[in-house]
């Protein structure tokens, strides 16, 4: 399967959605995956050096060789799952035009359009959707930086009016994303990292034995966030994985 994460606007949480949701969805199925970051400046994937998710950063430049880059990316082994994290602004335009010219959009199984809750974010998401909907490839939206899922229709009211019935996933604001970066692994992997959690529990025991309040406070906070990663997997990531799987199996772009 190949998933492309795109939005014409930078700072829409594309890299977070690509790594934490799209790529991790393959780990949840016990499948290998490679994340390819089309970006000349942002090297976000390099942060995750301890993850099972393979990563590669590819510079696009002025787009002269984009057609060959896309062919070398999308015409590799059928057995490999790929997630493409497309940089914003100029890079998005270059990649989408390259997909049009080569017709290689037909090798993509799903487009994910991430967006935040602001009006301009909605306009850019709308613009991105208008560009790619002609490909006839399934699309879902990723509503990022959600403050409170129970008030989703308040924070994203304009989205639901503009795209009534649109398939979407959510990504809430959480310290588990920062913990993920610090550990160089996805939240999915951290939630399953019992060894690391047990090691922290042992360090906490030592800190209590030494009556070291500073260490007790630090390790206690880390363990709380580890606990939250398990909740994040259950409440946020697993439902998102299910939406992705169902959207691809349903087909059609609407």
Protein backbone atom coordinates (compact mmCIF):
# COMPACT_ATOMS: atom_id res chain seq x y z
CA UNK A 1 0.00 0.00 0.00
CA UNK A 2 1.14 3.57 -0.66
CA UNK A 3 -0.16 6.55 1.34
CA UNK A 4 0.63 10.17 0.48
CA UNK A 5 0.28 12.90 3.11
CA UNK A 6 -0.15 16.31 1.47
CA UNK A 7 -1.25 19.88 2.13
CA UNK A 8 -0.21 22.96 0.19
CA UNK A 9 0.39 24.75 3.50
CA UNK A 10 3.41 24.21 5.71
CA UNK A 11 2.91 23.59 9.43
CA UNK A 12 -0.26 21.53 9.01
CA UNK A 13 1.13 18.57 11.01
CA UNK A 14 1.93 16.59 7.85
CA UNK A 15 5.07 14.99 9.28
CA UNK A 16 3.33 14.07 12.54
CA UNK A 17 0.40 12.50 10.70
CA UNK A 18 2.72 10.72 8.24
CA UNK A 19 4.84 9.15 10.97
CA UNK A 20 2.53 8.71 13.94
CA UNK A 21 -0.55 7.63 12.01
CA UNK A 22 0.07 6.60 8.39
CA UNK A 23 3.38 4.78 8.91
CA UNK A 24 2.45 3.40 12.33
CA UNK A 25 -0.73 1.90 10.88
CA UNK A 26 1.49 -0.64 9.10
CA UNK A 27 3.35 -1.48 12.30
CA UNK A 28 -0.04 -2.22 13.85
CA UNK A 29 -0.49 -4.89 11.15
CA UNK A 30 3.02 -6.26 11.76
CA UNK A 31 4.11 -5.02 8.35
CA UNK A 32 7.27 -3.18 7.31
CA UNK A 33 6.97 0.36 6.01
CA UNK A 34 9.23 3.02 4.55
CA UNK A 35 8.52 6.72 5.05
CA UNK A 36 9.93 8.96 2.32
CA UNK A 37 10.11 12.64 3.16
CA UNK A 38 9.97 14.89 0.10
CA UNK A 39 11.34 18.06 1.65
CA UNK A 40 14.43 20.20 1.02
CA UNK A 41 14.49 21.78 4.47
CA UNK A 42 12.54 19.82 7.07
CA UNK A 43 14.23 16.56 8.09
CA UNK A 44 11.70 15.55 10.69
CA UNK A 45 12.04 11.83 10.04
CA UNK A 46 15.72 11.91 11.10
CA UNK A 47 14.50 12.46 14.67
CA UNK A 48 13.13 8.93 14.84
CA UNK A 49 16.39 7.01 14.70
CA UNK A 50 15.23 4.16 16.98
CA UNK A 51 12.01 3.33 15.17
CA UNK A 52 11.15 0.24 13.15
CA UNK A 53 9.84 2.65 10.52
CA UNK A 54 12.45 3.07 7.79
CA UNK A 55 12.93 6.69 6.74
CA UNK A 56 14.53 8.51 3.84
CA UNK A 57 14.70 12.21 3.04
CA UNK A 58 14.65 13.23 -0.63
CA UNK A 59 15.36 16.75 -1.84
CA UNK A 60 13.20 18.00 -4.70
CA UNK A 61 14.89 21.33 -5.47
CA UNK A 62 13.32 23.12 -8.42
CA UNK A 63 11.56 19.95 -9.55
CA UNK A 64 13.68 19.29 -12.64
CA UNK A 65 14.03 15.59 -11.83
CA UNK A 66 10.72 15.10 -10.05
CA UNK A 67 9.34 12.65 -12.60
CA UNK A 68 12.33 10.32 -12.22
CA UNK A 69 12.20 10.71 -8.44
CA UNK A 70 8.55 9.67 -8.41
CA UNK A 71 9.23 6.69 -10.65
CA UNK A 72 12.08 5.49 -8.45
CA UNK A 73 9.84 5.92 -5.41
CA UNK A 74 6.56 4.46 -6.63
CA UNK A 75 7.74 1.78 -9.03
CA UNK A 76 9.69 -0.26 -6.51
CA UNK A 77 8.75 -3.67 -5.12
CA UNK A 78 5.00 -4.25 -4.82
CA UNK A 79 5.69 -5.88 -1.48
CA UNK A 80 6.85 -2.66 0.20
CA UNK A 81 4.49 -0.31 2.02
CA UNK A 82 5.33 3.34 1.47
CA UNK A 83 4.27 6.56 3.15
CA UNK A 84 5.13 9.79 1.33
CA UNK A 85 5.41 12.91 3.46
CA UNK A 86 5.21 15.79 0.99
CA UNK A 87 6.67 19.13 2.09
CA UNK A 88 4.40 22.16 1.89
CA UNK A 89 4.16 25.13 -0.44
CA UNK A 90 6.30 24.75 -3.59
CA UNK A 91 7.14 21.10 -2.96
CA UNK A 92 3.48 20.08 -2.86
CA UNK A 93 2.83 21.78 -6.19
CA UNK A 94 5.86 20.12 -7.80
CA UNK A 95 4.94 16.64 -6.55
CA UNK A 96 1.29 16.88 -7.55
CA UNK A 97 2.20 18.16 -11.03
CA UNK A 98 4.69 15.31 -11.32
CA UNK A 99 2.02 12.79 -10.35
CA UNK A 100 -0.27 14.24 -13.03
CA UNK A 101 2.34 14.13 -15.79
CA UNK A 102 3.49 10.59 -15.03
CA UNK A 103 0.00 9.29 -14.14
CA UNK A 104 1.68 7.74 -11.12
CA UNK A 105 -1.11 8.94 -8.84
CA UNK A 106 -2.62 5.59 -9.84
CA UNK A 107 0.03 3.92 -7.67
CA UNK A 108 -1.25 5.75 -4.57
CA UNK A 109 -3.90 4.01 -2.49
CA UNK A 110 -4.81 6.91 -0.20
CA UNK A 111 -4.23 10.64 0.20
CA UNK A 112 -4.34 12.11 3.70
CA UNK A 113 -4.82 15.87 4.03
CA UNK A 114 -3.83 17.13 7.50
CA UNK A 115 -5.11 20.45 8.78
CA UNK A 116 -5.34 22.53 11.95
CA UNK A 117 -8.45 24.31 13.13
CA UNK A 118 -7.91 27.81 11.71
CA UNK A 119 -9.81 29.37 8.81
CA UNK A 120 -6.73 29.60 6.60
CA UNK A 121 -5.93 25.96 7.33
CA UNK A 122 -9.40 25.06 6.07
CA UNK A 123 -8.90 27.07 2.89
CA UNK A 124 -5.57 25.33 2.20
CA UNK A 125 -7.06 21.91 2.89
CA UNK A 126 -9.92 22.77 0.52
CA UNK A 127 -7.44 23.89 -2.12
CA UNK A 128 -5.43 20.69 -1.73
CA UNK A 129 -8.57 18.55 -2.03
CA UNK A 130 -9.67 20.36 -5.20
CA UNK A 131 -6.27 19.63 -6.77
CA UNK A 132 -6.15 15.91 -5.99
CA UNK A 133 -9.81 14.86 -6.18
CA UNK A 134 -9.57 14.49 -9.96
CA UNK A 135 -7.17 11.60 -9.38
CA UNK A 136 -10.07 9.46 -8.17
CA UNK A 137 -8.01 8.21 -5.22
CA UNK A 138 -9.56 7.84 -1.74
CA UNK A 139 -8.99 10.85 0.53
CA UNK A 140 -9.31 11.35 4.26
CA UNK A 141 -8.67 14.45 6.36
CA UNK A 142 -6.56 14.46 9.51
CA UNK A 143 -7.79 17.02 12.02
CA UNK A 144 -4.69 17.81 14.03
CA UNK A 145 -4.05 19.58 17.32
CA UNK A 146 -7.51 18.70 18.56
CA UNK A 147 -7.94 20.16 22.05
CA UNK A 148 -10.98 18.20 23.15
CA UNK A 149 -12.52 15.41 21.03
CA UNK A 150 -15.89 16.00 22.72
CA UNK A 151 -15.88 19.53 21.29
CA UNK A 152 -14.52 18.60 17.89
CA UNK A 153 -17.48 20.13 16.05
CA UNK A 154 -16.85 23.39 17.89
CA UNK A 155 -13.13 23.60 17.04
CA UNK A 156 -13.66 22.30 13.49
CA UNK A 157 -17.12 23.67 12.79
CA UNK A 158 -16.12 25.24 9.45
CA UNK A 159 -14.59 21.96 8.29
CA UNK A 160 -17.77 19.98 8.93
CA UNK A 161 -19.83 22.62 7.10
CA UNK A 162 -17.45 22.63 4.12
CA UNK A 163 -16.98 18.86 3.95
CA UNK A 164 -20.19 17.31 5.34
CA UNK A 165 -19.77 13.58 5.74
CA UNK A 166 -16.06 13.63 4.88
CA UNK A 167 -14.00 10.75 6.23
CA UNK A 168 -11.59 12.03 8.85
CA UNK A 169 -9.30 11.07 11.70
CA UNK A 170 -8.21 13.15 14.67
CA UNK A 171 -4.88 13.76 16.36
CA UNK A 172 -5.12 15.36 19.78
CA UNK A 173 -2.53 17.58 21.39
CA UNK A 174 -0.53 15.49 23.85
CA UNK A 175 2.82 15.23 25.60
CA UNK A 176 3.13 11.73 24.16
CA UNK A 177 4.15 13.28 20.82
CA UNK A 178 7.07 15.03 22.54
CA UNK A 179 7.99 11.82 24.37
CA UNK A 180 7.98 10.07 21.01
CA UNK A 181 10.51 12.52 19.61
CA UNK A 182 12.71 12.27 22.69
CA UNK A 183 12.80 8.48 22.38
CA UNK A 184 13.17 8.39 18.60
CA UNK A 185 10.17 6.09 18.24
CA UNK A 186 6.55 6.40 17.24
CA UNK A 187 3.88 6.66 19.94
CA UNK A 188 2.66 3.24 18.80
CA UNK A 189 6.08 1.77 19.59
CA UNK A 190 6.37 3.58 22.92
CA UNK A 191 2.97 2.28 23.99
CA UNK A 192 4.32 -1.25 23.46
CA UNK A 193 7.76 -0.63 24.98
CA UNK A 194 7.31 -2.56 28.23
CA UNK A 195 11.07 -2.92 28.69
CA UNK A 196 11.61 0.84 28.77
CA UNK A 197 8.71 1.33 31.13
CA UNK A 198 9.99 -1.38 33.49
CA UNK A 199 13.42 0.25 33.47
CA UNK A 200 11.84 3.56 34.49
CA UNK A 201 9.90 1.82 37.27
CA UNK A 202 13.22 0.42 38.57
CA UNK A 203 14.82 3.88 38.45
CA UNK A 204 11.85 5.27 40.35
CA UNK A 205 12.35 2.65 43.05
CA UNK A 206 15.99 3.70 43.35
CA UNK A 207 15.01 7.37 43.55
CA UNK A 208 12.55 6.62 46.36
CA UNK A 209 15.20 4.58 48.19
CA UNK A 210 17.64 7.49 47.88
CA UNK A 211 14.91 9.99 48.84
CA UNK A 212 15.88 11.99 45.74
CA UNK A 213 12.82 14.19 45.22
CA UNK A 214 14.14 15.75 42.02
CA UNK A 215 14.55 12.37 40.32
CA UNK A 216 11.27 11.11 41.77
CA UNK A 217 9.48 14.05 40.17
CA UNK A 218 11.20 13.62 36.78
CA UNK A 219 10.72 9.85 36.52
CA UNK A 220 7.18 9.99 37.84
CA UNK A 221 6.27 12.48 35.10
CA UNK A 222 7.84 10.28 32.43
CA UNK A 223 5.93 7.25 33.66
CA UNK A 224 2.68 9.20 33.58
CA UNK A 225 3.33 10.09 29.94
CA UNK A 226 4.17 6.44 29.18
CA UNK A 227 0.78 5.52 30.66
CA UNK A 228 -0.82 8.21 28.51
CA UNK A 229 0.81 6.73 25.39
CA UNK A 230 -1.14 3.52 25.97
CA UNK A 231 -4.35 5.52 26.27
CA UNK A 232 -3.42 7.53 23.17
CA UNK A 233 -2.95 4.32 21.21
CA UNK A 234 -6.35 3.01 22.32
CA UNK A 235 -8.37 6.22 22.00
CA UNK A 236 -6.69 8.06 19.08
CA UNK A 237 -4.35 5.90 17.00
CA UNK A 238 -6.25 2.61 16.79
CA UNK A 239 -9.48 4.31 15.60
CA UNK A 240 -7.40 6.25 13.04
CA UNK A 241 -5.81 3.02 11.77
CA UNK A 242 -9.28 1.53 11.35
CA UNK A 243 -10.49 4.56 9.35
CA UNK A 244 -7.46 4.31 7.05
CA UNK A 245 -8.02 0.59 6.42
CA UNK A 246 -11.73 1.02 5.76
CA UNK A 247 -11.24 4.06 3.51
CA UNK A 248 -8.83 2.20 1.27
CA UNK A 249 -11.07 -0.87 1.08
CA UNK A 250 -14.10 1.29 0.25
CA UNK A 251 -12.30 3.01 -2.63
CA UNK A 252 -13.61 6.05 -4.57
CA UNK A 253 -12.50 9.63 -3.91
CA UNK A 254 -15.63 11.08 -2.33
